[in-house]
Amino acid sequence: MTDQTTDIRLSEQIGQLEAQLNDVLTLLETLSSENAVLKARENQLLHERSELNHRNDKVRSQVESMIQRLKTMDTQG
């Protein structure tokens, strides 16, 4: 092999590696963006779940209070 052939092969390999690196970087950017979106969605869902748990506790308390009042009315009547 001549030096020129070796240089050409090395240049081709470097070009291929650059292309692969660019592909990896593009994929990294895409995955990072998707990850940020998923984390934001997770936080939103956690907040919604917390609100729903709070509402459920409030409603549960109200229902238990009504049941207690009904029992009291029943024993008085």
N, C-alpha and C. Protein backbone atom coordinates (compact mmCIF):
# COMPACT_ATOMS: atom_id res chain seq x y z
N MET A 1 0.83 -1.18 0.00
CA MET A 1 0.00 0.00 0.00
C MET A 1 0.87 1.24 0.00
N THR A 2 0.42 2.22 -0.73
CA THR A 2 1.18 3.47 -0.76
C THR A 2 0.70 4.40 0.34
N ASP A 3 1.52 5.38 0.59
CA ASP A 3 1.14 6.36 1.60
C ASP A 3 -0.15 7.09 1.22
N GLN A 4 -0.32 7.30 -0.06
CA GLN A 4 -1.52 8.01 -0.54
C GLN A 4 -2.76 7.16 -0.29
N THR A 5 -2.68 5.85 -0.55
CA THR A 5 -3.80 4.95 -0.32
C THR A 5 -4.13 4.90 1.18
N THR A 6 -3.10 4.84 2.00
CA THR A 6 -3.30 4.82 3.44
C THR A 6 -3.97 6.11 3.91
N ASP A 7 -3.52 7.23 3.38
CA ASP A 7 -4.11 8.52 3.73
C ASP A 7 -5.58 8.58 3.33
N ILE A 8 -5.88 8.04 2.14
CA ILE A 8 -7.26 8.05 1.66
C ILE A 8 -8.13 7.18 2.57
N ARG A 9 -7.64 6.01 2.92
CA ARG A 9 -8.39 5.11 3.81
C ARG A 9 -8.61 5.76 5.18
N LEU A 10 -7.58 6.36 5.70
CA LEU A 10 -7.70 7.03 7.00
C LEU A 10 -8.71 8.17 6.93
N SER A 11 -8.68 8.91 5.84
CA SER A 11 -9.62 10.01 5.67
C SER A 11 -11.05 9.49 5.59
N GLU A 12 -11.23 8.38 4.89
CA GLU A 12 -12.56 7.77 4.79
C GLU A 12 -13.03 7.29 6.16
N GLN A 13 -12.14 6.65 6.89
CA GLN A 13 -12.50 6.15 8.22
C GLN A 13 -12.82 7.31 9.17
N ILE A 14 -12.04 8.36 9.08
CA ILE A 14 -12.31 9.54 9.91
C ILE A 14 -13.66 10.15 9.54
N GLY A 15 -13.94 10.20 8.26
CA GLY A 15 -15.24 10.70 7.79
C GLY A 15 -16.38 9.87 8.31
N GLN A 16 -16.22 8.53 8.28
CA GLN A 16 -17.25 7.63 8.79
C GLN A 16 -17.43 7.82 10.30
N LEU A 17 -16.32 7.94 11.02
CA LEU A 17 -16.40 8.16 12.45
C LEU A 17 -17.08 9.50 12.78
N GLU A 18 -16.78 10.53 12.01
CA GLU A 18 -17.43 11.83 12.20
C GLU A 18 -18.94 11.72 11.98
N ALA A 19 -19.30 11.00 10.94
CA ALA A 19 -20.73 10.82 10.65
C ALA A 19 -21.41 10.05 11.78
N GLN A 20 -20.76 8.99 12.26
CA GLN A 20 -21.32 8.22 13.36
C GLN A 20 -21.42 9.08 14.63
N LEU A 21 -20.40 9.88 14.87
CA LEU A 21 -20.41 10.76 16.04
C LEU A 21 -21.54 11.77 15.93
N ASN A 22 -21.73 12.32 14.75
CA ASN A 22 -22.84 13.25 14.54
C ASN A 22 -24.19 12.57 14.78
N ASP A 23 -24.31 11.34 14.32
CA ASP A 23 -25.54 10.58 14.57
C ASP A 23 -25.77 10.38 16.06
N VAL A 24 -24.71 10.03 16.77
CA VAL A 24 -24.81 9.82 18.22
C VAL A 24 -25.19 11.12 18.92
N LEU A 25 -24.58 12.23 18.52
CA LEU A 25 -24.89 13.52 19.12
C LEU A 25 -26.34 13.93 18.85
N THR A 26 -26.81 13.68 17.65
CA THR A 26 -28.21 13.97 17.31
C THR A 26 -29.15 13.14 18.17
N LEU A 27 -28.82 11.86 18.31
CA LEU A 27 -29.63 10.97 19.14
C LEU A 27 -29.61 11.43 20.60
N LEU A 28 -28.45 11.84 21.07
CA LEU A 28 -28.32 12.34 22.43
C LEU A 28 -29.21 13.57 22.65
N GLU A 29 -29.20 14.49 21.71
CA GLU A 29 -30.04 15.67 21.82
C GLU A 29 -31.52 15.29 21.84
N THR A 30 -31.90 14.37 20.97
CA THR A 30 -33.29 13.92 20.92
C THR A 30 -33.70 13.27 22.23
N LEU A 31 -32.85 12.36 22.72
CA LEU A 31 -33.17 11.67 23.97
C LEU A 31 -33.20 12.62 25.16
N SER A 32 -32.30 13.58 25.17
CA SER A 32 -32.30 14.57 26.26
C SER A 32 -33.57 15.39 26.24
N SER A 33 -34.00 15.77 25.06
CA SER A 33 -35.23 16.54 24.93
C SER A 33 -36.44 15.71 25.37
N GLU A 34 -36.50 14.48 24.92
CA GLU A 34 -37.60 13.59 25.31
C GLU A 34 -37.59 13.36 26.82
N ASN A 35 -36.41 13.21 27.38
CA ASN A 35 -36.28 12.98 28.81
C ASN A 35 -36.81 14.19 29.60
N ALA A 36 -36.49 15.38 29.14
CA ALA A 36 -36.98 16.59 29.81
C ALA A 36 -38.51 16.66 29.75
N VAL A 37 -39.07 16.31 28.62
CA VAL A 37 -40.53 16.31 28.48
C VAL A 37 -41.14 15.27 29.42
N LEU A 38 -40.54 14.10 29.47
CA LEU A 38 -41.07 13.04 30.34
C LEU A 38 -40.97 13.42 31.82
N LYS A 39 -39.88 14.06 32.20
CA LYS A 39 -39.73 14.50 33.60
C LYS A 39 -40.78 15.55 33.95
N ALA A 40 -41.03 16.47 33.03
CA ALA A 40 -42.05 17.49 33.27
C ALA A 40 -43.42 16.84 33.41
N ARG A 41 -43.71 15.88 32.56
CA ARG A 41 -44.99 15.16 32.62
C ARG A 41 -45.11 14.39 33.92
N GLU A 42 -44.01 13.76 34.34
CA GLU A 42 -44.02 13.02 35.60
C GLU A 42 -44.34 13.96 36.76
N ASN A 43 -43.69 15.12 36.78
CA ASN A 43 -43.96 16.09 37.84
C ASN A 43 -45.41 16.55 37.83
N GLN A 44 -45.94 16.77 36.65
CA GLN A 44 -47.34 17.18 36.52
C GLN A 44 -48.26 16.08 37.07
N LEU A 45 -47.99 14.84 36.70
CA LEU A 45 -48.82 13.72 37.17
C LEU A 45 -48.72 13.53 38.67
N LEU A 46 -47.52 13.71 39.22
CA LEU A 46 -47.35 13.60 40.67
C LEU A 46 -48.15 14.68 41.39
N HIS A 47 -48.14 15.88 40.83
CA HIS A 47 -48.91 16.97 41.42
C HIS A 47 -50.40 16.67 41.34
N GLU A 48 -50.87 16.19 40.20
CA GLU A 48 -52.28 15.84 40.04
C GLU A 48 -52.68 14.74 41.02
N ARG A 49 -51.81 13.75 41.18
CA ARG A 49 -52.10 12.66 42.11
C ARG A 49 -52.21 13.18 43.54
N SER A 50 -51.33 14.09 43.88
CA SER A 50 -51.36 14.68 45.21
C SER A 50 -52.68 15.43 45.43
N GLU A 51 -53.09 16.20 44.44
CA GLU A 51 -54.36 16.91 44.54
C GLU A 51 -55.53 15.95 44.67
N LEU A 52 -55.52 14.88 43.89
CA LEU A 52 -56.61 13.90 43.96
C LEU A 52 -56.64 13.21 45.32
N ASN A 53 -55.48 12.89 45.85
CA ASN A 53 -55.43 12.28 47.18
C ASN A 53 -56.00 13.23 48.23
N HIS A 54 -55.66 14.50 48.10
CA HIS A 54 -56.18 15.50 49.04
C HIS A 54 -57.70 15.59 48.93
N ARG A 55 -58.23 15.63 47.70
CA ARG A 55 -59.68 15.68 47.50
C ARG A 55 -60.35 14.43 48.06
N ASN A 56 -59.74 13.26 47.80
CA ASN A 56 -60.31 12.02 48.31
C ASN A 56 -60.37 12.02 49.84
N ASP A 57 -59.31 12.50 50.47
CA ASP A 57 -59.29 12.57 51.93
C ASP A 57 -60.39 13.51 52.44
N LYS A 58 -60.55 14.63 51.76
CA LYS A 58 -61.58 15.59 52.16
C LYS A 58 -62.98 14.98 52.02
N VAL A 59 -63.24 14.33 50.90
CA VAL A 59 -64.54 13.71 50.67
C VAL A 59 -64.76 12.57 51.66
N ARG A 60 -63.74 11.79 51.92
CA ARG A 60 -63.84 10.69 52.87
C ARG A 60 -64.23 11.23 54.25
N SER A 61 -63.59 12.31 54.64
CA SER A 61 -63.89 12.93 55.92
C SER A 61 -65.33 13.43 55.97
N GLN A 62 -65.79 14.04 54.88
CA GLN A 62 -67.17 14.53 54.83
C GLN A 62 -68.17 13.38 54.91
N VAL A 63 -67.89 12.30 54.21
CA VAL A 63 -68.79 11.14 54.23
C VAL A 63 -68.82 10.52 55.63
N GLU A 64 -67.65 10.38 56.25
CA GLU A 64 -67.60 9.83 57.60
C GLU A 64 -68.37 10.72 58.58
N SER A 65 -68.27 12.02 58.39
CA SER A 65 -69.00 12.96 59.24
C SER A 65 -70.51 12.79 59.04
N MET A 66 -70.95 12.65 57.79
CA MET A 66 -72.38 12.46 57.52
C MET A 66 -72.87 11.14 58.13
N ILE A 67 -72.08 10.11 57.99
CA ILE A 67 -72.46 8.82 58.57
C ILE A 67 -72.59 8.94 60.08
N GLN A 68 -71.67 9.63 60.69
CA GLN A 68 -71.72 9.81 62.13
C GLN A 68 -72.97 10.59 62.54
N ARG A 69 -73.31 11.64 61.78
CA ARG A 69 -74.52 12.41 62.08
C ARG A 69 -75.77 11.56 61.91
N LEU A 70 -75.78 10.71 60.87
CA LEU A 70 -76.93 9.83 60.66
C LEU A 70 -77.06 8.83 61.81
N LYS A 71 -75.95 8.29 62.26
CA LYS A 71 -75.99 7.37 63.39
C LYS A 71 -76.52 8.07 64.64
N THR A 72 -76.08 9.31 64.84
CA THR A 72 -76.52 10.09 65.99
C THR A 72 -78.02 10.36 65.89
N MET A 73 -78.50 10.72 64.69
CA MET A 73 -79.92 10.97 64.49
C MET A 73 -80.71 9.69 64.73
N ASP A 74 -80.18 8.57 64.29
CA ASP A 74 -80.86 7.29 64.43
C ASP A 74 -81.00 6.91 65.91
N THR A 75 -79.96 7.14 66.69
CA THR A 75 -80.02 6.77 68.12
C THR A 75 -80.89 7.75 68.90
N GLN A 76 -81.04 8.96 68.42
CA GLN A 76 -81.86 9.95 69.11
C GLN A 76 -83.34 9.79 68.74
N GLY A 77 -83.59 9.28 67.56
CA GLY A 77 -84.96 9.21 67.05
C GLY A 77 -85.64 7.98 67.42
